[in-house]
Amino acid sequence: MWIGVGVLLGLVVVASVLGFHVGPHGHLVGAGLGLAAAIWLVVMAATGQAAPILWVLFGADLAISGGLATIAWRGLKVQDQQLSGPTYGSLVGVEGVAITDLEPAGIVRVRGENWSATSMNGNVVAGNRVQVIEASGVRLGVWAEDADPPDAEDHPHSLLSAIRHHHAANGANGDQEGEQ
């Protein structure tokens, strides 16, 4: 009988440690095993196999099993809230305020939370209103009506820079064709 209690209590410890790796269901298994061990200990006490260590194990088992059940319950509750809570995609279209200057990256406040953001249409002065147009991970892409457009000649990915590069490349090719 003592071997059975030892195995169950060992499994409680293993399940409690695994619960931190596999999630709250591991803690729930540990709490269930702890309840089984507590019942086993009560049966042992009722059949006359009571020893002082039995009551120490029973008390420790109840404390650990109760703790695991609490951790499992809270973990499952948080897991349900994350599945039904707001997502990053739901931030698209929401308005916020630039907390720092966006040149073009900085910090914005959206729905009461600070986010890393990149202005999609130039530099934005702190305090200006912005609108979220994309959300990727922990960074938001924002648009501001009062943005200062970037200097097109200095920005290699701007449309004006691309057009000038295209004309320069075609102009050189066009001159060569005309000379031949």
Protein backbone atom coordinates (compact mmCIF):
# COMPACT_ATOMS: atom_id res chain seq x y z
CA MET A 1 0.00 0.00 0.00
CA TRP A 2 2.83 2.39 0.82
CA ILE A 3 4.42 1.76 -2.57
CA GLY A 4 1.17 2.77 -4.29
CA VAL A 5 1.07 6.03 -2.31
CA GLY A 6 4.71 6.71 -3.16
CA VAL A 7 4.09 6.15 -6.88
CA LEU A 8 1.03 8.42 -6.87
CA LEU A 9 2.84 11.19 -5.00
CA GLY A 10 5.80 10.88 -7.38
CA LEU A 11 3.44 11.22 -10.34
CA VAL A 12 1.93 14.32 -8.71
CA VAL A 13 5.38 15.92 -8.61
CA VAL A 14 6.13 14.92 -12.23
CA ALA A 15 2.75 16.23 -13.46
CA SER A 16 3.22 19.51 -11.58
CA VAL A 17 6.60 20.10 -13.22
CA LEU A 18 5.31 19.07 -16.66
CA GLY A 19 2.37 21.42 -16.22
CA PHE A 20 4.74 24.36 -16.59
CA HIS A 21 5.82 22.98 -19.97
CA VAL A 22 2.60 21.57 -21.43
CA GLY A 23 0.11 24.02 -19.96
CA PRO A 24 -2.66 23.99 -17.39
CA HIS A 25 -3.91 20.54 -18.35
CA GLY A 26 -0.72 19.06 -16.86
CA HIS A 27 -1.50 20.77 -13.57
CA LEU A 28 -5.05 19.44 -13.74
CA VAL A 29 -3.69 15.89 -14.11
CA GLY A 30 -1.39 16.48 -11.12
CA ALA A 31 -4.33 17.70 -9.02
CA GLY A 32 -6.34 14.59 -10.00
CA LEU A 33 -3.46 12.29 -9.08
CA GLY A 34 -3.10 14.15 -5.78
CA LEU A 35 -6.79 13.62 -5.05
CA ALA A 36 -6.35 9.90 -5.79
CA ALA A 37 -3.36 9.78 -3.43
CA ALA A 38 -5.39 11.56 -0.70
CA ILE A 39 -8.22 9.03 -1.04
CA TRP A 40 -5.69 6.19 -0.90
CA LEU A 41 -4.19 7.64 2.30
CA VAL A 42 -7.64 7.95 3.92
CA VAL A 43 -8.38 4.31 3.02
CA MET A 44 -5.05 3.29 4.56
CA ALA A 45 -5.91 5.18 7.76
CA ALA A 46 -9.40 3.61 7.86
CA THR A 47 -7.96 0.09 7.51
CA GLY A 48 -5.65 0.55 10.48
CA GLN A 49 -2.40 1.31 8.66
CA ALA A 50 -2.18 4.75 10.19
CA ALA A 51 1.26 6.00 11.05
CA PRO A 52 2.37 9.54 11.89
CA ILE A 53 3.95 9.89 8.44
CA LEU A 54 0.58 9.07 6.84
CA TRP A 55 -0.98 12.26 8.23
CA VAL A 56 2.05 14.34 7.22
CA LEU A 57 1.80 12.96 3.68
CA PHE A 58 -1.96 13.54 3.67
CA GLY A 59 -1.57 17.20 4.69
CA ALA A 60 1.22 17.84 2.20
CA ASP A 61 -0.73 16.07 -0.54
CA LEU A 62 -3.85 18.18 0.09
CA ALA A 63 -1.81 21.41 0.05
CA ILE A 64 0.02 20.51 -3.17
CA SER A 65 -3.10 19.17 -4.90
CA GLY A 66 -5.07 22.27 -3.93
CA GLY A 67 -2.30 24.48 -5.28
CA LEU A 68 -2.15 22.53 -8.54
CA ALA A 69 -5.93 22.71 -8.93
CA THR A 70 -5.78 26.49 -8.42
CA ILE A 71 -2.97 26.87 -10.97
CA ALA A 72 -4.86 24.70 -13.46
CA TRP A 73 -8.11 26.62 -12.97
CA ARG A 74 -6.42 30.00 -13.41
CA GLY A 75 -4.42 28.76 -16.40
CA LEU A 76 -7.52 27.43 -18.13
CA LYS A 77 -9.38 30.67 -17.36
CA VAL A 78 -6.59 32.81 -18.86
CA GLN A 79 -6.32 30.49 -21.85
CA ASP A 80 -10.05 30.96 -22.57
CA GLN A 81 -9.73 34.74 -22.27
CA GLN A 82 -6.80 34.81 -24.72
CA LEU A 83 -8.79 32.84 -27.28
CA SER A 84 -11.79 35.16 -27.08
CA GLY A 85 -9.98 38.43 -26.33
CA PRO A 86 -8.93 41.19 -28.74
CA THR A 87 -6.41 40.33 -31.41
CA TYR A 88 -3.75 42.43 -33.06
CA GLY A 89 -5.75 42.39 -36.27
CA SER A 90 -8.59 44.12 -34.44
CA LEU A 91 -6.34 47.17 -34.01
CA VAL A 92 -6.45 47.93 -37.73
CA GLY A 93 -8.54 51.05 -38.23
CA VAL A 94 -8.26 52.17 -34.60
CA GLU A 95 -7.01 55.69 -33.91
CA GLY A 96 -4.24 56.55 -31.48
CA VAL A 97 -1.76 59.28 -30.58
CA ALA A 98 1.97 59.51 -31.29
CA ILE A 99 3.74 59.51 -27.92
CA THR A 100 7.17 60.16 -29.43
CA ASP A 101 8.14 61.63 -32.77
CA LEU A 102 7.80 58.98 -35.47
CA GLU A 103 10.87 59.43 -37.70
CA PRO A 104 9.49 57.11 -39.08
CA ALA A 105 9.63 54.73 -36.08
CA GLY A 106 8.55 55.58 -32.55
CA ILE A 107 5.91 54.91 -29.90
CA VAL A 108 2.14 55.38 -30.22
CA ARG A 109 -0.67 54.92 -27.70
CA VAL A 110 -3.61 52.89 -28.98
CA ARG A 111 -6.50 51.79 -26.73
CA GLY A 112 -4.53 52.87 -23.66
CA GLU A 113 -1.45 50.76 -24.50
CA ASN A 114 1.92 51.90 -25.83
CA TRP A 115 3.02 50.22 -29.07
CA SER A 116 6.10 50.37 -31.26
CA ALA A 117 5.03 51.88 -34.55
CA THR A 118 6.30 52.91 -37.94
CA SER A 119 4.73 55.81 -39.81
CA MET A 120 3.82 54.73 -43.32
CA ASN A 121 3.60 58.27 -44.74
CA GLY A 122 6.51 60.23 -43.29
CA ASN A 123 7.55 61.78 -40.00
CA VAL A 124 4.90 62.45 -37.35
CA VAL A 125 5.32 64.92 -34.50
CA ALA A 126 4.50 63.64 -31.00
CA GLY A 127 0.91 64.41 -30.02
CA ASN A 128 -0.55 64.01 -33.53
CA ARG A 129 -3.37 61.55 -34.13
CA VAL A 130 -2.55 58.40 -36.08
CA GLN A 131 -4.60 55.53 -37.45
CA VAL A 132 -3.43 51.92 -37.43
CA ILE A 133 -3.30 50.51 -40.97
CA GLU A 134 -1.45 47.27 -40.23
CA ALA A 135 -0.41 45.18 -37.23
CA SER A 136 2.47 42.73 -37.38
CA GLY A 137 3.66 41.11 -34.17
CA VAL A 138 4.34 43.88 -31.68
CA ARG A 139 4.80 46.62 -34.29
CA LEU A 140 2.05 48.72 -35.81
CA GLY A 141 2.05 50.49 -39.15
CA VAL A 142 0.30 53.84 -38.74
CA TRP A 143 -0.88 56.69 -40.99
CA ALA A 144 -1.12 60.33 -39.94
CA GLU A 145 -2.85 63.14 -41.82
CA ASP A 146 -0.35 65.68 -40.46
CA ALA A 147 2.78 63.75 -41.42
CA ASP A 148 5.75 65.45 -43.04
CA PRO A 149 6.50 63.45 -46.17
CA PRO A 150 10.03 62.07 -46.29
CA ASP A 151 12.53 63.68 -48.67
CA ALA A 152 12.07 61.56 -51.78
CA GLU A 153 15.66 61.95 -52.94
CA ASP A 154 16.99 60.66 -49.63
CA HIS A 155 14.59 57.72 -49.34
CA PRO A 156 15.66 54.83 -51.61
CA HIS A 157 12.22 53.15 -51.59
CA SER A 158 10.12 56.18 -52.48
CA LEU A 159 8.12 56.27 -55.70
CA LEU A 160 9.88 59.44 -56.91
CA SER A 161 13.27 57.87 -56.36
CA ALA A 162 12.20 54.74 -58.26
CA ILE A 163 10.87 56.82 -61.19
CA ARG A 164 14.09 58.85 -61.40
CA HIS A 165 16.13 55.64 -61.29
CA HIS A 166 13.95 54.11 -64.02
CA HIS A 167 14.29 57.19 -66.26
CA ALA A 168 18.02 57.33 -65.70
CA ALA A 169 18.40 53.67 -66.65
CA ASN A 170 16.12 53.96 -69.72
CA GLY A 171 17.66 57.28 -70.74
CA ALA A 172 21.08 55.69 -70.88
CA ASN A 173 19.74 52.72 -72.87
CA GLY A 174 17.72 55.02 -75.16
CA ASP A 175 20.80 57.15 -75.99
CA GLN A 176 22.78 54.04 -76.85
CA GLU A 177 20.05 52.76 -79.17
CA GLY A 178 19.79 56.16 -80.90
CA GLU A 179 23.53 56.29 -81.57
CA GLN A 180 23.61 52.89 -83.24
